[in-house]
Amino acid sequence: AAGHDGGGAADAEECEWAALPATRGAAVTQGDRTLITTLHLLGEDGSPRGTPPLFVVNCHLTAGQEARRRLSQVHDALDRVRKQRAKALPKGHDPRAPCVVCGDFNSQGS
C-alpha cells in the first residue's frame, strides 16, 4: 500500500493503486520472459492523481548457464520501462518513477 494512516490500517481511499484500461493510459507489455505492468495511483473519484506511475516487472528468466541471456532479459525489460516512463511523464517532470523487479531469476548459487 502506498499510504498509511498511522493507526495500523492502510487508508484505502488514500492508497489505491490500479492498472488502468489502455484507453486511460496504462500499459501491460510482455517481453522475453518478462511482463511489465504500469500502475497509477487513483484519487477518491477513481481518476489518476497525476503522480508518477509504479512499474512492476515480473520475470521468469532463462535457467541454466545462460547468465548473459538473463542479464539481457532484465536489461531489455528495464529499457522498456525507461521508454514507457518517458511517455507517461510530462515534459520537465522528474524522470524518476518507482520500479519493482521481481520473479524467478534462475541464478546459479555459489
Foldseek 3Di string as FASTA:
>chain_A
DPAPPPPPDRDCQQFDKDQDPVVLPWDWDDDDQKIKGWIAGAHNVRHGPQDQIEIEIEGADDADPPPVRLVVRVVVVVVVVQVSLVVSHDPPDDSDDHYHYDYHSNDDDD
